Amino acid sequence: MGYNDHVQDDGFSDFLEEVLGGGALEGAAEGITRQVVERGQESLSDKQAFVFKRDVLDVYVVDGCKRCEAPVPWSEMYAASDNGGYCNYCWHMLEKMRDE
């Protein structure tokens, strides 16, 4: 599944708000991400789209869960980018197995 498939899903703006709230984006990447939240990706110039892909999508978007390979919904995407690429269910199961 490519980025455009993900972008059509509900929750993309909420995901970007989580990324912004995490405080890791700076400078152009932060401003461009705010623009995408407010006006959509179609408002970006080619140069801005390149920066957005490189600094946000390539860093924070997980194409599929590393364990079950299911698509990761936007509501779980930020956590998946932080936990190694697992959906919430698989992350919970892995943590449960570690605790046993």
C-alpha atoms as a PDB file:
ATOM      1  CA  MET A   1       0.000   0.000   0.000  1.00  0.00           C
ATOM      2  CA  GLY A   2       1.443   3.350  -0.978  1.00  0.00           C
ATOM      3  CA  TYR A   3       1.249   6.728   0.692  1.00  0.00           C
ATOM      4  CA  ASN A   4      -1.645   7.856  -1.477  1.00  0.00           C
ATOM      5  CA  ASP A   5      -3.713   4.870  -0.351  1.00  0.00           C
ATOM      6  CA  HIS A   6      -3.078   5.819   3.266  1.00  0.00           C
ATOM      7  CA  VAL A   7      -3.869   9.486   2.686  1.00  0.00           C
ATOM      8  CA  GLN A   8      -7.385   8.630   1.511  1.00  0.00           C
ATOM      9  CA  ASP A   9      -8.127   7.034   4.901  1.00  0.00           C
ATOM     10  CA  ASP A  10      -9.818   8.915   7.719  1.00  0.00           C
ATOM     11  CA  GLY A  11      -7.617  10.107  10.521  1.00  0.00           C
ATOM     12  CA  PHE A  12      -4.634  11.353   8.494  1.00  0.00           C
ATOM     13  CA  SER A  13      -4.885  14.889   9.907  1.00  0.00           C
ATOM     14  CA  ASP A  14      -5.166  13.519  13.445  1.00  0.00           C
ATOM     15  CA  PHE A  15      -2.042  11.446  12.810  1.00  0.00           C
ATOM     16  CA  LEU A  16      -0.195  14.553  11.610  1.00  0.00           C
ATOM     17  CA  GLU A  17      -1.347  16.420  14.728  1.00  0.00           C
ATOM     18  CA  GLU A  18       0.190  13.609  16.821  1.00  0.00           C
ATOM     19  CA  VAL A  19       3.452  13.923  14.888  1.00  0.00           C
ATOM     20  CA  LEU A  20       3.441  17.683  15.443  1.00  0.00           C
ATOM     21  CA  GLY A  21       2.620  17.188  19.118  1.00  0.00           C
ATOM     22  CA  GLY A  22       5.596  14.870  19.495  1.00  0.00           C
ATOM     23  CA  GLY A  23       7.894  17.837  19.019  1.00  0.00           C
ATOM     24  CA  ALA A  24      10.373  16.110  16.715  1.00  0.00           C
ATOM     25  CA  LEU A  25       9.585  18.157  13.601  1.00  0.00           C
ATOM     26  CA  GLU A  26      11.408  21.432  13.137  1.00  0.00           C
ATOM     27  CA  GLY A  27      11.737  24.174  10.571  1.00  0.00           C
ATOM     28  CA  ALA A  28      10.347  23.534   7.124  1.00  0.00           C
ATOM     29  CA  ALA A  29       9.042  20.055   7.962  1.00  0.00           C
ATOM     30  CA  GLU A  30       6.971  21.442  10.826  1.00  0.00           C
ATOM     31  CA  GLY A  31       5.549  24.301   8.769  1.00  0.00           C
ATOM     32  CA  ILE A  32       4.783  22.063   5.808  1.00  0.00           C
ATOM     33  CA  THR A  33       3.040  19.532   8.045  1.00  0.00           C
ATOM     34  CA  ARG A  34       0.893  22.308   9.534  1.00  0.00           C
ATOM     35  CA  GLN A  35       0.022  23.385   5.988  1.00  0.00           C
ATOM     36  CA  VAL A  36      -1.028  19.828   5.089  1.00  0.00           C
ATOM     37  CA  VAL A  37      -3.273  19.682   8.174  1.00  0.00           C
ATOM     38  CA  GLU A  38      -4.886  23.016   7.295  1.00  0.00           C
ATOM     39  CA  ARG A  39      -5.025  22.885   3.479  1.00  0.00           C
ATOM     40  CA  GLY A  40      -4.220  19.326   2.381  1.00  0.00           C
ATOM     41  CA  GLN A  41      -1.317  17.782   0.507  1.00  0.00           C
ATOM     42  CA  GLU A  42      -2.549  19.165  -2.790  1.00  0.00           C
ATOM     43  CA  SER A  43      -1.616  22.652  -1.537  1.00  0.00           C
ATOM     44  CA  LEU A  44       2.100  21.758  -1.480  1.00  0.00           C
ATOM     45  CA  SER A  45       4.594  22.794  -4.130  1.00  0.00           C
ATOM     46  CA  ASP A  46       6.806  20.058  -5.576  1.00  0.00           C
ATOM     47  CA  LYS A  47       9.649  21.084  -3.272  1.00  0.00           C
ATOM     48  CA  GLN A  48       7.381  21.083  -0.212  1.00  0.00           C
ATOM     49  CA  ALA A  49       5.951  17.689  -1.196  1.00  0.00           C
ATOM     50  CA  PHE A  50       9.491  16.301  -1.390  1.00  0.00           C
ATOM     51  CA  VAL A  51      10.319  17.599   2.104  1.00  0.00           C
ATOM     52  CA  PHE A  52       7.000  16.307   3.491  1.00  0.00           C
ATOM     53  CA  LYS A  53       7.614  12.844   2.065  1.00  0.00           C
ATOM     54  CA  ARG A  54      11.248  12.716   3.185  1.00  0.00           C
ATOM     55  CA  ASP A  55      10.861  14.188   6.668  1.00  0.00           C
ATOM     56  CA  VAL A  56       7.371  13.046   7.657  1.00  0.00           C
ATOM     57  CA  LEU A  57       5.930  10.224   5.564  1.00  0.00           C
ATOM     58  CA  ASP A  58       9.173   8.273   5.176  1.00  0.00           C
ATOM     59  CA  VAL A  59       9.878   8.601   8.902  1.00  0.00           C
ATOM     60  CA  TYR A  60       6.464   8.136  10.543  1.00  0.00           C
ATOM     61  CA  VAL A  61       4.358   6.022   8.166  1.00  0.00           C
ATOM     62  CA  VAL A  62       4.443   2.264   8.659  1.00  0.00           C
ATOM     63  CA  ASP A  63       3.178   0.395   5.598  1.00  0.00           C
ATOM     64  CA  GLY A  64       2.026  -2.650   7.525  1.00  0.00           C
ATOM     65  CA  CYS A  65       2.442  -4.302  10.896  1.00  0.00           C
ATOM     66  CA  LYS A  66       5.748  -6.170  11.168  1.00  0.00           C
ATOM     67  CA  ARG A  67       4.037  -9.107  12.868  1.00  0.00           C
ATOM     68  CA  CYS A  68       0.631  -9.591  11.215  1.00  0.00           C
ATOM     69  CA  GLU A  69       1.273  -7.504   8.072  1.00  0.00           C
ATOM     70  CA  ALA A  70      -2.149  -5.860   8.350  1.00  0.00           C
ATOM     71  CA  PRO A  71      -2.398  -2.203   7.367  1.00  0.00           C
ATOM     72  CA  VAL A  72      -1.820   0.054  10.361  1.00  0.00           C
ATOM     73  CA  PRO A  73      -4.692   2.548  10.757  1.00  0.00           C
ATOM     74  CA  TRP A  74      -3.885   6.236  11.098  1.00  0.00           C
ATOM     75  CA  SER A  75      -5.106   6.138  14.698  1.00  0.00           C
ATOM     76  CA  GLU A  76      -2.245   3.717  15.513  1.00  0.00           C
ATOM     77  CA  MET A  77       0.369   5.012  13.070  1.00  0.00           C
ATOM     78  CA  TYR A  78       2.312   7.332  15.374  1.00  0.00           C
ATOM     79  CA  ALA A  79       2.615   4.638  18.041  1.00  0.00           C
ATOM     80  CA  ALA A  80       3.660   2.094  15.399  1.00  0.00           C
ATOM     81  CA  SER A  81       6.409   4.404  14.171  1.00  0.00           C
ATOM     82  CA  ASP A  82       7.688   4.539  17.748  1.00  0.00           C
ATOM     83  CA  ASN A  83       7.314   0.863  18.729  1.00  0.00           C
ATOM     84  CA  GLY A  84       9.169  -0.708  15.830  1.00  0.00           C
ATOM     85  CA  GLY A  85       6.314  -1.027  13.356  1.00  0.00           C
ATOM     86  CA  TYR A  86       3.596  -3.006  15.161  1.00  0.00           C
ATOM     87  CA  CYS A  87      -0.164  -2.431  15.224  1.00  0.00           C
ATOM     88  CA  ASN A  88      -1.638  -1.938  18.702  1.00  0.00           C
ATOM     89  CA  TYR A  89      -2.891  -5.535  18.931  1.00  0.00           C
ATOM     90  CA  CYS A  90       0.455  -7.094  18.017  1.00  0.00           C
ATOM     91  CA  TRP A  91       2.346  -4.674  20.262  1.00  0.00           C
ATOM     92  CA  HIS A  92       0.068  -5.648  23.148  1.00  0.00           C
ATOM     93  CA  MET A  93       0.587  -9.364  22.421  1.00  0.00           C
ATOM     94  CA  LEU A  94       4.372  -8.936  22.264  1.00  0.00           C
ATOM     95  CA  GLU A  95       4.392  -7.039  25.550  1.00  0.00           C
ATOM     96  CA  LYS A  96       2.190  -9.700  27.127  1.00  0.00           C
ATOM     97  CA  MET A  97       4.577 -12.458  25.979  1.00  0.00           C
ATOM     98  CA  ARG A  98       7.552 -10.525  27.385  1.00  0.00           C
ATOM     99  CA  ASP A  99       5.824 -10.202  30.748  1.00  0.00           C
ATOM    100  CA  GLU A 100       5.170 -13.944  31.049  1.00  0.00           C
END
